[in-house]
């Protein structure tokens, strides 16, 4: 079986668990968070958790700080719910795909307006 499929399955399982556990966090800084994906290293020792958060920069910064603070707890929950030899180190990465897509849409729209006589 190809290595990629195992890391994808593990990443998806991590995504589901972390999405649920983040919603349970009591930290008031945690905003409306969506876990968009988890990329796992081939040796399963590192996991990059991609997320989006709704709100202005101040709320987003608070959520980033809250997730960093909760990393140890969330890693413990992963270890408790998933049977692996080693629980991976997790790192949270804000996913800016939606923002970039919106920016590209605005640029395309502006170009179309400029093309019209």
PDB file of N, CA and C in Angstrom:
ATOM      1  N   UNK A   1       0.850  -1.187   0.000  1.00  0.00           N
ATOM      2  CA  UNK A   1       0.000   0.000   0.000  1.00  0.00           C
ATOM      3  C   UNK A   1       0.893   1.247   0.000  1.00  0.00           C
ATOM      4  N   UNK A   2       0.605   2.250  -0.827  1.00  0.00           N
ATOM      5  CA  UNK A   2       1.445   3.440  -0.887  1.00  0.00           C
ATOM      6  C   UNK A   2       1.439   4.205   0.424  1.00  0.00           C
ATOM      7  N   UNK A   3       2.597   4.776   0.775  1.00  0.00           N
ATOM      8  CA  UNK A   3       2.747   5.522   2.021  1.00  0.00           C
ATOM      9  C   UNK A   3       1.780   6.705   2.096  1.00  0.00           C
ATOM     10  N   UNK A   4       1.573   7.378   0.964  1.00  0.00           N
ATOM     11  CA  UNK A   4       0.716   8.558   0.947  1.00  0.00           C
ATOM     12  C   UNK A   4      -0.687   8.278   1.444  1.00  0.00           C
ATOM     13  N   UNK A   5      -1.231   7.123   1.105  1.00  0.00           N
ATOM     14  CA  UNK A   5      -2.598   6.829   1.518  1.00  0.00           C
ATOM     15  C   UNK A   5      -2.699   6.653   3.032  1.00  0.00           C
ATOM     16  N   UNK A   6      -1.683   6.100   3.653  1.00  0.00           N
ATOM     17  CA  UNK A   6      -1.706   5.941   5.112  1.00  0.00           C
ATOM     18  C   UNK A   6      -1.635   7.296   5.786  1.00  0.00           C
ATOM     19  N   UNK A   7      -0.732   8.158   5.330  1.00  0.00           N
ATOM     20  CA  UNK A   7      -0.617   9.478   5.953  1.00  0.00           C
ATOM     21  C   UNK A   7      -1.892  10.294   5.729  1.00  0.00           C
ATOM     22  N   UNK A   8      -2.522  10.118   4.582  1.00  0.00           N
ATOM     23  CA  UNK A   8      -3.794  10.823   4.320  1.00  0.00           C
ATOM     24  C   UNK A   8      -4.889  10.328   5.259  1.00  0.00           C
ATOM     25  N   UNK A   9      -4.971   9.024   5.454  1.00  0.00           N
ATOM     26  CA  UNK A   9      -5.981   8.473   6.372  1.00  0.00           C
ATOM     27  C   UNK A   9      -5.744   8.957   7.796  1.00  0.00           C
ATOM     28  N   UNK A  10      -4.488   8.914   8.232  1.00  0.00           N
ATOM     29  CA  UNK A  10      -4.151   9.366   9.578  1.00  0.00           C
ATOM     30  C   UNK A  10      -4.451  10.859   9.709  1.00  0.00           C
ATOM     31  N   UNK A  11      -4.093  11.638   8.699  1.00  0.00           N
ATOM     32  CA  UNK A  11      -4.371  13.071   8.717  1.00  0.00           C
ATOM     33  C   UNK A  11      -5.852  13.366   8.816  1.00  0.00           C
ATOM     34  N   UNK A  12      -6.669  12.627   8.094  1.00  0.00           N
ATOM     35  CA  UNK A  12      -8.115  12.834   8.144  1.00  0.00           C
ATOM     36  C   UNK A  12      -8.666  12.466   9.514  1.00  0.00           C
ATOM     37  N   UNK A  13      -8.157  11.399  10.093  1.00  0.00           N
ATOM     38  CA  UNK A  13      -8.597  11.011  11.436  1.00  0.00           C
ATOM     39  C   UNK A  13      -8.209  12.089  12.448  1.00  0.00           C
ATOM     40  N   UNK A  14      -6.984  12.611  12.331  1.00  0.00           N
ATOM     41  CA  UNK A  14      -6.541  13.699  13.205  1.00  0.00           C
ATOM     42  C   UNK A  14      -7.439  14.922  13.033  1.00  0.00           C
ATOM     43  N   UNK A  15      -7.789  15.232  11.768  1.00  0.00           N
ATOM     44  CA  UNK A  15      -8.614  16.413  11.496  1.00  0.00           C
ATOM     45  C   UNK A  15      -9.954  16.300  12.224  1.00  0.00           C
ATOM     46  N   UNK A  16     -10.571  15.129  12.128  1.00  0.00           N
ATOM     47  CA  UNK A  16     -11.867  14.927  12.774  1.00  0.00           C
ATOM     48  C   UNK A  16     -11.766  15.060  14.296  1.00  0.00           C
ATOM     49  N   UNK A  17     -10.759  14.434  14.874  1.00  0.00           N
ATOM     50  CA  UNK A  17     -10.584  14.477  16.330  1.00  0.00           C
ATOM     51  C   UNK A  17     -10.299  15.909  16.785  1.00  0.00           C
ATOM     52  N   UNK A  18      -9.359  16.570  16.112  1.00  0.00           N
ATOM     53  CA  UNK A  18      -8.984  17.919  16.537  1.00  0.00           C
ATOM     54  C   UNK A  18     -10.120  18.913  16.349  1.00  0.00           C
ATOM     55  N   UNK A  19     -10.888  18.778  15.267  1.00  0.00           N
ATOM     56  CA  UNK A  19     -12.030  19.679  15.058  1.00  0.00           C
ATOM     57  C   UNK A  19     -12.999  19.566  16.236  1.00  0.00           C
ATOM     58  N   UNK A  20     -13.242  18.343  16.666  1.00  0.00           N
ATOM     59  CA  UNK A  20     -14.152  18.122  17.790  1.00  0.00           C
ATOM     60  C   UNK A  20     -13.553  18.638  19.100  1.00  0.00           C
ATOM     61  N   UNK A  21     -12.293  18.347  19.345  1.00  0.00           N
ATOM     62  CA  UNK A  21     -11.653  18.742  20.598  1.00  0.00           C
ATOM     63  C   UNK A  21     -11.476  20.258  20.707  1.00  0.00           C
ATOM     64  N   UNK A  22     -11.205  20.929  19.597  1.00  0.00           N
ATOM     65  CA  UNK A  22     -11.046  22.395  19.630  1.00  0.00           C
ATOM     66  C   UNK A  22     -12.370  23.043  20.047  1.00  0.00           C
ATOM     67  N   UNK A  23     -13.491  22.488  19.586  1.00  0.00           N
ATOM     68  CA  UNK A  23     -14.797  23.040  19.967  1.00  0.00           C
ATOM     69  C   UNK A  23     -15.052  22.895  21.469  1.00  0.00           C
ATOM     70  N   UNK A  24     -14.423  21.916  22.097  1.00  0.00           N
ATOM     71  CA  UNK A  24     -14.613  21.679  23.537  1.00  0.00           C
ATOM     72  C   UNK A  24     -13.729  22.573  24.411  1.00  0.00           C
ATOM     73  N   UNK A  25     -12.751  23.252  23.801  1.00  0.00           N
ATOM     74  CA  UNK A  25     -11.840  24.080  24.593  1.00  0.00           C
ATOM     75  C   UNK A  25     -12.611  25.178  25.317  1.00  0.00           C
ATOM     76  N   UNK A  26     -12.224  25.442  26.556  1.00  0.00           N
ATOM     77  CA  UNK A  26     -12.907  26.442  27.379  1.00  0.00           C
ATOM     78  C   UNK A  26     -12.290  27.834  27.230  1.00  0.00           C
ATOM     79  N   UNK A  27     -11.212  27.942  26.480  1.00  0.00           N
ATOM     80  CA  UNK A  27     -10.503  29.215  26.331  1.00  0.00           C
ATOM     81  C   UNK A  27     -11.384  30.224  25.583  1.00  0.00           C
ATOM     82  N   UNK A  28     -11.666  31.373  26.197  1.00  0.00           N
ATOM     83  CA  UNK A  28     -12.540  32.364  25.549  1.00  0.00           C
ATOM     84  C   UNK A  28     -11.930  32.994  24.294  1.00  0.00           C
ATOM     85  N   UNK A  29     -10.621  32.824  24.097  1.00  0.00           N
ATOM     86  CA  UNK A  29      -9.974  33.379  22.905  1.00  0.00           C
ATOM     87  C   UNK A  29     -10.273  32.571  21.643  1.00  0.00           C
ATOM     88  N   UNK A  30     -10.709  31.328  21.822  1.00  0.00           N
ATOM     89  CA  UNK A  30     -10.979  30.472  20.658  1.00  0.00           C
ATOM     90  C   UNK A  30     -12.231  30.980  19.967  1.00  0.00           C
ATOM     91  N   UNK A  31     -12.061  31.378  18.712  1.00  0.00           N
ATOM     92  CA  UNK A  31     -13.189  31.866  17.928  1.00  0.00           C
ATOM     93  C   UNK A  31     -13.829  30.746  17.136  1.00  0.00           C
ATOM     94  N   UNK A  32     -14.492  31.127  16.064  1.00  0.00           N
ATOM     95  CA  UNK A  32     -15.152  30.160  15.191  1.00  0.00           C
ATOM     96  C   UNK A  32     -14.088  29.533  14.291  1.00  0.00           C
ATOM     97  N   UNK A  33     -13.602  28.352  14.683  1.00  0.00           N
ATOM     98  CA  UNK A  33     -12.480  27.682  14.019  1.00  0.00           C
ATOM     99  C   UNK A  33     -12.982  26.519  13.172  1.00  0.00           C
ATOM    100  N   UNK A  34     -12.405  26.401  11.977  1.00  0.00           N
ATOM    101  CA  UNK A  34     -12.639  25.236  11.129  1.00  0.00           C
ATOM    102  C   UNK A  34     -11.280  24.612  10.838  1.00  0.00           C
ATOM    103  N   UNK A  35     -11.141  23.344  11.148  1.00  0.00           N
ATOM    104  CA  UNK A  35      -9.920  22.623  10.806  1.00  0.00           C
ATOM    105  C   UNK A  35     -10.084  22.176   9.359  1.00  0.00           C
ATOM    106  N   UNK A  36      -9.273  22.770   8.470  1.00  0.00           N
ATOM    107  CA  UNK A  36      -9.433  22.511   7.038  1.00  0.00           C
ATOM    108  C   UNK A  36      -8.639  21.309   6.556  1.00  0.00           C
ATOM    109  N   UNK A  37      -7.633  20.899   7.299  1.00  0.00           N
ATOM    110  CA  UNK A  37      -6.849  19.744   6.897  1.00  0.00           C
ATOM    111  C   UNK A  37      -5.709  19.495   7.849  1.00  0.00           C
ATOM    112  N   UNK A  38      -5.149  18.314   7.772  1.00  0.00           N
ATOM    113  CA  UNK A  38      -3.970  17.955   8.565  1.00  0.00           C
ATOM    114  C   UNK A  38      -3.003  17.238   7.641  1.00  0.00           C
ATOM    115  N   UNK A  39      -1.788  17.742   7.570  1.00  0.00           N
ATOM    116  CA  UNK A  39      -0.733  17.090   6.800  1.00  0.00           C
ATOM    117  C   UNK A  39       0.189  16.387   7.794  1.00  0.00           C
ATOM    118  N   UNK A  40       0.430  15.106   7.560  1.00  0.00           N
ATOM    119  CA  UNK A  40       1.238  14.301   8.470  1.00  0.00           C
ATOM    120  C   UNK A  40       2.516  13.900   7.756  1.00  0.00           C
ATOM    121  N   UNK A  41       3.640  13.990   8.475  1.00  0.00           N
ATOM    122  CA  UNK A  41       4.918  13.580   7.880  1.00  0.00           C
ATOM    123  C   UNK A  41       4.902  12.073   7.629  1.00  0.00           C
ATOM    124  N   UNK A  42       5.706  11.606   6.668  1.00  0.00           N
ATOM    125  CA  UNK A  42       5.724  10.166   6.349  1.00  0.00           C
ATOM    126  C   UNK A  42       6.036   9.272   7.550  1.00  0.00           C
ATOM    127  N   UNK A  43       6.836   9.771   8.504  1.00  0.00           N
ATOM    128  CA  UNK A  43       7.151   8.959   9.689  1.00  0.00           C
ATOM    129  C   UNK A  43       6.111   9.126  10.804  1.00  0.00           C
ATOM    130  N   UNK A  44       5.066   9.908  10.544  1.00  0.00           N
ATOM    131  CA  UNK A  44       3.962  10.150  11.479  1.00  0.00           C
ATOM    132  C   UNK A  44       4.397  10.831  12.776  1.00  0.00           C
ATOM    133  N   UNK A  45       5.537  11.497  12.762  1.00  0.00           N
ATOM    134  CA  UNK A  45       6.023  12.161  13.974  1.00  0.00           C
ATOM    135  C   UNK A  45       5.640  13.637  14.045  1.00  0.00           C
ATOM    136  N   UNK A  46       5.211  14.205  12.929  1.00  0.00           N
ATOM    137  CA  UNK A  46       4.813  15.620  12.887  1.00  0.00           C
ATOM    138  C   UNK A  46       3.495  15.748  12.151  1.00  0.00           C
ATOM    139  N   UNK A  47       2.670  16.661  12.653  1.00  0.00           N
ATOM    140  CA  UNK A  47       1.396  16.934  11.988  1.00  0.00           C
ATOM    141  C   UNK A  47       1.187  18.444  11.947  1.00  0.00           C
ATOM    142  N   UNK A  48       0.879  18.930  10.760  1.00  0.00           N
ATOM    143  CA  UNK A  48       0.584  20.350  10.578  1.00  0.00           C
ATOM    144  C   UNK A  48      -0.926  20.471  10.436  1.00  0.00           C
ATOM    145  N   UNK A  49      -1.531  21.205  11.352  1.00  0.00           N
ATOM    146  CA  UNK A  49      -2.982  21.334  11.408  1.00  0.00           C
ATOM    147  C   UNK A  49      -3.359  22.674  10.783  1.00  0.00           C
ATOM    148  N   UNK A  50      -4.038  22.615   9.643  1.00  0.00           N
ATOM    149  CA  UNK A  50      -4.445  23.830   8.940  1.00  0.00           C
ATOM    150  C   UNK A  50      -5.852  24.209   9.390  1.00  0.00           C
ATOM    151  N   UNK A  51      -6.025  25.503   9.689  1.00  0.00           N
ATOM    152  CA  UNK A  51      -7.313  25.957  10.191  1.00  0.00           C
ATOM    153  C   UNK A  51      -7.644  27.342   9.642  1.00  0.00           C
ATOM    154  N   UNK A  52      -8.934  27.629   9.617  1.00  0.00           N
ATOM    155  CA  UNK A  52      -9.395  28.981   9.330  1.00  0.00           C
ATOM    156  C   UNK A  52     -10.164  29.439  10.556  1.00  0.00           C
ATOM    157  N   UNK A  53     -10.191  30.745  10.736  1.00  0.00           N
ATOM    158  CA  UNK A  53     -10.946  31.300  11.856  1.00  0.00           C
ATOM    159  C   UNK A  53     -11.665  32.548  11.366  1.00  0.00           C
ATOM    160  N   UNK A  54     -12.921  32.656  11.745  1.00  0.00           N
ATOM    161  CA  UNK A  54     -13.753  33.770  11.325  1.00  0.00           C
ATOM    162  C   UNK A  54     -13.467  34.964  12.230  1.00  0.00           C
ATOM    163  N   UNK A  55     -13.414  36.157  11.654  1.00  0.00           N
ATOM    164  CA  UNK A  55     -13.269  37.363  12.467  1.00  0.00           C
ATOM    165  C   UNK A  55     -12.163  38.271  11.984  1.00  0.00           C
ATOM    166  N   UNK A  56     -12.041  39.377  12.687  1.00  0.00           N
ATOM    167  CA  UNK A  56     -10.997  40.361  12.390  1.00  0.00           C
ATOM    168  C   UNK A  56      -9.655  39.849  12.894  1.00  0.00           C
ATOM    169  N   UNK A  57      -8.594  40.565  12.564  1.00  0.00           N
ATOM    170  CA  UNK A  57      -7.237  40.139  12.930  1.00  0.00           C
ATOM    171  C   UNK A  57      -7.088  39.936  14.441  1.00  0.00           C
ATOM    172  N   UNK A  58      -7.711  40.782  15.242  1.00  0.00           N
ATOM    173  CA  UNK A  58      -7.591  40.662  16.705  1.00  0.00           C
ATOM    174  C   UNK A  58      -8.147  39.315  17.182  1.00  0.00           C
ATOM    175  N   UNK A  59      -9.316  38.940  16.669  1.00  0.00           N
ATOM    176  CA  UNK A  59      -9.919  37.650  17.053  1.00  0.00           C
ATOM    177  C   UNK A  59      -9.080  36.490  16.521  1.00  0.00           C
ATOM    178  N   UNK A  60      -8.580  36.641  15.312  1.00  0.00           N
ATOM    179  CA  UNK A  60      -7.761  35.573  14.731  1.00  0.00           C
ATOM    180  C   UNK A  60      -6.475  35.387  15.533  1.00  0.00           C
ATOM    181  N   UNK A  61      -5.867  36.497  15.954  1.00  0.00           N
ATOM    182  CA  UNK A  61      -4.643  36.418  16.757  1.00  0.00           C
ATOM    183  C   UNK A  61      -4.931  35.736  18.092  1.00  0.00           C
ATOM    184  N   UNK A  62      -6.074  36.038  18.684  1.00  0.00           N
ATOM    185  CA  UNK A  62      -6.458  35.392  19.943  1.00  0.00           C
ATOM    186  C   UNK A  62      -6.630  33.896  19.770  1.00  0.00           C
ATOM    187  N   UNK A  63      -7.253  33.507  18.679  1.00  0.00           N
ATOM    188  CA  UNK A  63      -7.445  32.082  18.409  1.00  0.00           C
ATOM    189  C   UNK A  63      -6.112  31.385  18.189  1.00  0.00           C
ATOM    190  N   UNK A  64      -5.213  32.024  17.426  1.00  0.00           N
ATOM    191  CA  UNK A  64      -3.879  31.424  17.215  1.00  0.00           C
ATOM    192  C   UNK A  64      -3.178  31.202  18.555  1.00  0.00           C
ATOM    193  N   UNK A  65      -3.241  32.201  19.431  1.00  0.00           N
ATOM    194  CA  UNK A  65      -2.600  32.084  20.751  1.00  0.00           C
ATOM    195  C   UNK A  65      -3.255  30.979  21.580  1.00  0.00           C
ATOM    196  N   UNK A  66      -4.579  30.896  21.524  1.00  0.00           N
ATOM    197  CA  UNK A  66      -5.292  29.862  22.286  1.00  0.00           C
ATOM    198  C   UNK A  66      -4.924  28.466  21.791  1.00  0.00           C
ATOM    199  N   UNK A  67      -4.822  28.306  20.479  1.00  0.00           N
ATOM    200  CA  UNK A  67      -4.450  26.991  19.941  1.00  0.00           C
ATOM    201  C   UNK A  67      -3.026  26.625  20.342  1.00  0.00           C
ATOM    202  N   UNK A  68      -2.117  27.603  20.316  1.00  0.00           N
ATOM    203  CA  UNK A  68      -0.742  27.324  20.773  1.00  0.00           C
ATOM    204  C   UNK A  68      -0.752  26.893  22.236  1.00  0.00           C
ATOM    205  N   UNK A  69      -1.550  27.584  23.056  1.00  0.00           N
ATOM    206  CA  UNK A  69      -1.635  27.239  24.484  1.00  0.00           C
ATOM    207  C   UNK A  69      -2.213  25.841  24.697  1.00  0.00           C
ATOM    208  N   UNK A  70      -3.131  25.438  23.834  1.00  0.00           N
ATOM    209  CA  UNK A  70      -3.822  24.153  23.996  1.00  0.00           C
ATOM    210  C   UNK A  70      -3.109  23.006  23.291  1.00  0.00           C
ATOM    211  N   UNK A  71      -1.986  23.270  22.642  1.00  0.00           N
ATOM    212  CA  UNK A  71      -1.308  22.240  21.849  1.00  0.00           C
ATOM    213  C   UNK A  71      -1.016  20.982  22.667  1.00  0.00           C
ATOM    214  N   UNK A  72      -0.498  21.147  23.873  1.00  0.00           N
ATOM    215  CA  UNK A  72      -0.153  19.980  24.696  1.00  0.00           C
ATOM    216  C   UNK A  72      -1.408  19.155  25.015  1.00  0.00           C
ATOM    217  N   UNK A  73      -2.482  19.833  25.384  1.00  0.00           N
ATOM    218  CA  UNK A  73      -3.747  19.150  25.687  1.00  0.00           C
ATOM    219  C   UNK A  73      -4.285  18.430  24.440  1.00  0.00           C
ATOM    220  N   UNK A  74      -4.282  19.110  23.303  1.00  0.00           N
ATOM    221  CA  UNK A  74      -4.815  18.523  22.068  1.00  0.00           C
ATOM    222  C   UNK A  74      -3.965  17.335  21.620  1.00  0.00           C
ATOM    223  N   UNK A  75      -2.658  17.444  21.794  1.00  0.00           N
ATOM    224  CA  UNK A  75      -1.772  16.327  21.449  1.00  0.00           C
ATOM    225  C   UNK A  75      -2.079  15.124  22.348  1.00  0.00           C
ATOM    226  N   UNK A  76      -2.313  15.396  23.626  1.00  0.00           N
ATOM    227  CA  UNK A  76      -2.676  14.326  24.564  1.00  0.00           C
ATOM    228  C   UNK A  76      -3.973  13.638  24.111  1.00  0.00           C
ATOM    229  N   UNK A  77      -4.971  14.426  23.683  1.00  0.00           N
ATOM    230  CA  UNK A  77      -6.232  13.864  23.210  1.00  0.00           C
ATOM    231  C   UNK A  77      -6.015  12.999  21.967  1.00  0.00           C
ATOM    232  N   UNK A  78      -5.153  13.469  21.066  1.00  0.00           N
ATOM    233  CA  UNK A  78      -4.840  12.642  19.883  1.00  0.00           C
ATOM    234  C   UNK A  78      -4.263  11.303  20.319  1.00  0.00           C
ATOM    235  N   UNK A  79      -3.299  11.358  21.222  1.00  0.00           N
ATOM    236  CA  UNK A  79      -2.658  10.137  21.697  1.00  0.00           C
ATOM    237  C   UNK A  79      -3.635   9.188  22.371  1.00  0.00           C
ATOM    238  N   UNK A  80      -4.615   9.747  23.069  1.00  0.00           N
ATOM    239  CA  UNK A  80      -5.605   8.944  23.764  1.00  0.00           C
ATOM    240  C   UNK A  80      -6.571   8.272  22.780  1.00  0.00           C
ATOM    241  N   UNK A  81      -6.895   8.970  21.686  1.00  0.00           N
ATOM    242  CA  UNK A  81      -7.917   8.478  20.766  1.00  0.00           C
ATOM    243  C   UNK A  81      -7.371   7.702  19.565  1.00  0.00           C
ATOM    244  N   UNK A  82      -6.090   7.856  19.266  1.00  0.00           N
ATOM    245  CA  UNK A  82      -5.497   7.192  18.104  1.00  0.00           C
ATOM    246  C   UNK A  82      -4.349   6.314  18.588  1.00  0.00           C
ATOM    247  N   UNK A  83      -4.339   5.084  18.152  1.00  0.00           N
ATOM    248  CA  UNK A  83      -3.291   4.155  18.558  1.00  0.00           C
ATOM    249  C   UNK A  83      -2.128   4.201  17.568  1.00  0.00           C
ATOM    250  N   UNK A  84      -1.099   4.936  17.963  1.00  0.00           N
ATOM    251  CA  UNK A  84       0.144   4.991  17.191  1.00  0.00           C
ATOM    252  C   UNK A  84       1.290   4.785  18.171  1.00  0.00           C
ATOM    253  N   UNK A  85       2.430   4.343  17.661  1.00  0.00           N
ATOM    254  CA  UNK A  85       3.595   4.160  18.533  1.00  0.00           C
ATOM    255  C   UNK A  85       4.011   5.489  19.157  1.00  0.00           C
ATOM    256  N   UNK A  86       3.983   6.544  18.351  1.00  0.00           N
ATOM    257  CA  UNK A  86       4.387   7.867  18.815  1.00  0.00           C
ATOM    258  C   UNK A  86       3.290   8.858  18.464  1.00  0.00           C
ATOM    259  N   UNK A  87       2.884   9.665  19.437  1.00  0.00           N
ATOM    260  CA  UNK A  87       1.926  10.733  19.143  1.00  0.00           C
ATOM    261  C   UNK A  87       2.701  11.866  18.498  1.00  0.00           C
ATOM    262  N   UNK A  88       2.253  12.330  17.337  1.00  0.00           N
ATOM    263  CA  UNK A  88       3.031  13.348  16.632  1.00  0.00           C
ATOM    264  C   UNK A  88       3.023  14.710  17.331  1.00  0.00           C
ATOM    265  N   UNK A  89       4.089  15.438  17.102  1.00  0.00           N
ATOM    266  CA  UNK A  89       4.122  16.846  17.498  1.00  0.00           C
ATOM    267  C   UNK A  89       3.151  17.553  16.567  1.00  0.00           C
ATOM    268  N   UNK A  90       2.342  18.470  17.105  1.00  0.00           N
ATOM    269  CA  UNK A  90       1.406  19.171  16.232  1.00  0.00           C
ATOM    270  C   UNK A  90       1.734  20.663  16.179  1.00  0.00           C
ATOM    271  N   UNK A  91       1.535  21.203  14.997  1.00  0.00           N
ATOM    272  CA  UNK A  91       1.775  22.624  14.769  1.00  0.00           C
ATOM    273  C   UNK A  91       0.556  23.184  14.039  1.00  0.00           C
ATOM    274  N   UNK A  92       0.051  24.307  14.537  1.00  0.00           N
ATOM    275  CA  UNK A  92      -1.115  24.925  13.917  1.00  0.00           C
ATOM    276  C   UNK A  92      -0.669  25.948  12.883  1.00  0.00           C
ATOM    277  N   UNK A  93      -1.298  25.890  11.705  1.00  0.00           N
ATOM    278  CA  UNK A  93      -0.968  26.788  10.595  1.00  0.00           C
ATOM    279  C   UNK A  93      -2.274  27.392  10.100  1.00  0.00           C
ATOM    280  N   UNK A  94      -2.356  28.733  10.124  1.00  0.00           N
ATOM    281  CA  UNK A  94      -3.579  29.372   9.637  1.00  0.00           C
ATOM    282  C   UNK A  94      -3.653  29.209   8.123  1.00  0.00           C
ATOM    283  N   UNK A  95      -4.764  28.698   7.664  1.00  0.00           N
ATOM    284  CA  UNK A  95      -4.990  28.429   6.243  1.00  0.00           C
ATOM    285  C   UNK A  95      -5.568  29.683   5.597  1.00  0.00           C
ATOM    286  N   UNK A  96      -4.808  30.296   4.712  1.00  0.00           N
ATOM    287  CA  UNK A  96      -5.266  31.536   4.079  1.00  0.00           C
ATOM    288  C   UNK A  96      -5.787  31.299   2.660  1.00  0.00           C
ATOM    289  N   UNK A  97      -6.129  30.068   2.336  1.00  0.00           N
ATOM    290  CA  UNK A  97      -6.590  29.722   0.998  1.00  0.00           C
ATOM    291  C   UNK A  97      -7.833  30.521   0.609  1.00  0.00           C
ATOM    292  N   UNK A  98      -8.796  30.639   1.532  1.00  0.00           N
ATOM    293  CA  UNK A  98     -10.031  31.361   1.236  1.00  0.00           C
ATOM    294  C   UNK A  98      -9.723  32.830   0.960  1.00  0.00           C
ATOM    295  N   UNK A  99      -8.888  33.430   1.810  1.00  0.00           N
ATOM    296  CA  UNK A  99      -8.505  34.836   1.616  1.00  0.00           C
ATOM    297  C   UNK A  99      -7.830  35.045   0.272  1.00  0.00           C
ATOM    298  N   UNK A 100      -6.901  34.152  -0.056  1.00  0.00           N
ATOM    299  CA  UNK A 100      -6.203  34.281  -1.344  1.00  0.00           C
ATOM    300  C   UNK A 100      -7.173  34.117  -2.506  1.00  0.00           C
ATOM    301  N   UNK A 101      -8.109  33.190  -2.381  1.00  0.00           N
ATOM    302  CA  UNK A 101      -9.107  32.994  -3.428  1.00  0.00           C
ATOM    303  C   UNK A 101      -9.971  34.223  -3.622  1.00  0.00           C
ATOM    304  N   UNK A 102     -10.384  34.840  -2.519  1.00  0.00           N
ATOM    305  CA  UNK A 102     -11.196  36.056  -2.607  1.00  0.00           C
ATOM    306  C   UNK A 102     -10.397  37.184  -3.261  1.00  0.00           C
ATOM    307  N   UNK A 103      -9.132  37.291  -2.918  1.00  0.00           N
ATOM    308  CA  UNK A 103      -8.277  38.327  -3.508  1.00  0.00           C
ATOM    309  C   UNK A 103      -8.144  38.118  -5.014  1.00  0.00           C
ATOM    310  N   UNK A 104      -7.955  36.875  -5.430  1.00  0.00           N
ATOM    311  CA  UNK A 104      -7.855  36.557  -6.861  1.00  0.00           C
ATOM    312  C   UNK A 104      -9.168  36.901  -7.564  1.00  0.00           C
ATOM    313  N   UNK A 105     -10.303  36.564  -6.925  1.00  0.00           N
ATOM    314  CA  UNK A 105     -11.610  36.906  -7.510  1.00  0.00           C
ATOM    315  C   UNK A 105     -11.748  38.414  -7.703  1.00  0.00           C
ATOM    316  N   UNK A 106     -11.319  39.193  -6.708  1.00  0.00           N
ATOM    317  CA  UNK A 106     -11.406  40.663  -6.823  1.00  0.00           C
ATOM    318  C   UNK A 106     -10.531  41.171  -7.966  1.00  0.00           C
ATOM    319  N   UNK A 107      -9.349  40.610  -8.111  1.00  0.00           N
ATOM    320  CA  UNK A 107      -8.432  41.033  -9.186  1.00  0.00           C
ATOM    321  C   UNK A 107      -9.048  40.706 -10.547  1.00  0.00           C
ATOM    322  N   UNK A 108      -9.594  39.512 -10.695  1.00  0.00           N
ATOM    323  CA  UNK A 108     -10.217  39.111 -11.968  1.00  0.00           C
ATOM    324  C   UNK A 108     -11.406  40.023 -12.277  1.00  0.00           C
ATOM    325  N   UNK A 109     -12.210  40.297 -11.266  1.00  0.00           N
ATOM    326  CA  UNK A 109     -13.377  41.176 -11.451  1.00  0.00           C
ATOM    327  C   UNK A 109     -12.925  42.571 -11.898  1.00  0.00           C
ATOM    328  N   UNK A 110     -11.868  43.071 -11.268  1.00  0.00           N
ATOM    329  CA  UNK A 110     -11.347  44.389 -11.633  1.00  0.00           C
ATOM    330  C   UNK A 110     -10.823  44.385 -13.074  1.00  0.00           C
ATOM    331  N   UNK A 111     -10.129  43.329 -13.468  1.00  0.00           N
ATOM    332  CA  UNK A 111      -9.619  43.236 -14.840  1.00  0.00           C
ATOM    333  C   UNK A 111     -10.766  43.222 -15.857  1.00  0.00           C
ATOM    334  N   UNK A 112     -11.842  42.499 -15.529  1.00  0.00           N
ATOM    335  CA  UNK A 112     -13.006  42.474 -16.441  1.00  0.00           C
ATOM    336  C   UNK A 112     -13.641  43.852 -16.568  1.00  0.00           C
ATOM    337  N   UNK A 113     -13.728  44.576 -15.464  1.00  0.00           N
ATOM    338  CA  UNK A 113     -14.297  45.923 -15.514  1.00  0.00           C
ATOM    339  C   UNK A 113     -13.439  46.846 -16.375  1.00  0.00           C
ATOM    340  N   UNK A 114     -12.112  46.701 -16.271  1.00  0.00           N
ATOM    341  CA  UNK A 114     -11.202  47.541 -17.016  1.00  0.00           C
ATOM    342  C   UNK A 114     -11.217  47.223 -18.519  1.00  0.00           C
ATOM    343  N   UNK A 115     -11.551  45.979 -18.890  1.00  0.00           N
ATOM    344  CA  UNK A 115     -11.606  45.559 -20.294  1.00  0.00           C
ATOM    345  C   UNK A 115     -12.815  46.142 -21.016  1.00  0.00           C
ATOM    346  N   UNK A 116     -13.900  46.359 -20.280  1.00  0.00           N
ATOM    347  CA  UNK A 116     -15.138  46.846 -20.915  1.00  0.00           C
ATOM    348  C   UNK A 116     -14.978  48.296 -21.368  1.00  0.00           C
ATOM    349  N   UNK A 117     -15.495  48.629 -22.583  1.00  0.00           N
ATOM    350  CA  UNK A 117     -15.403  50.013 -23.076  1.00  0.00           C
ATOM    351  C   UNK A 117     -16.308  50.960 -22.309  1.00  0.00           C
TER     352      UNK A 117
END
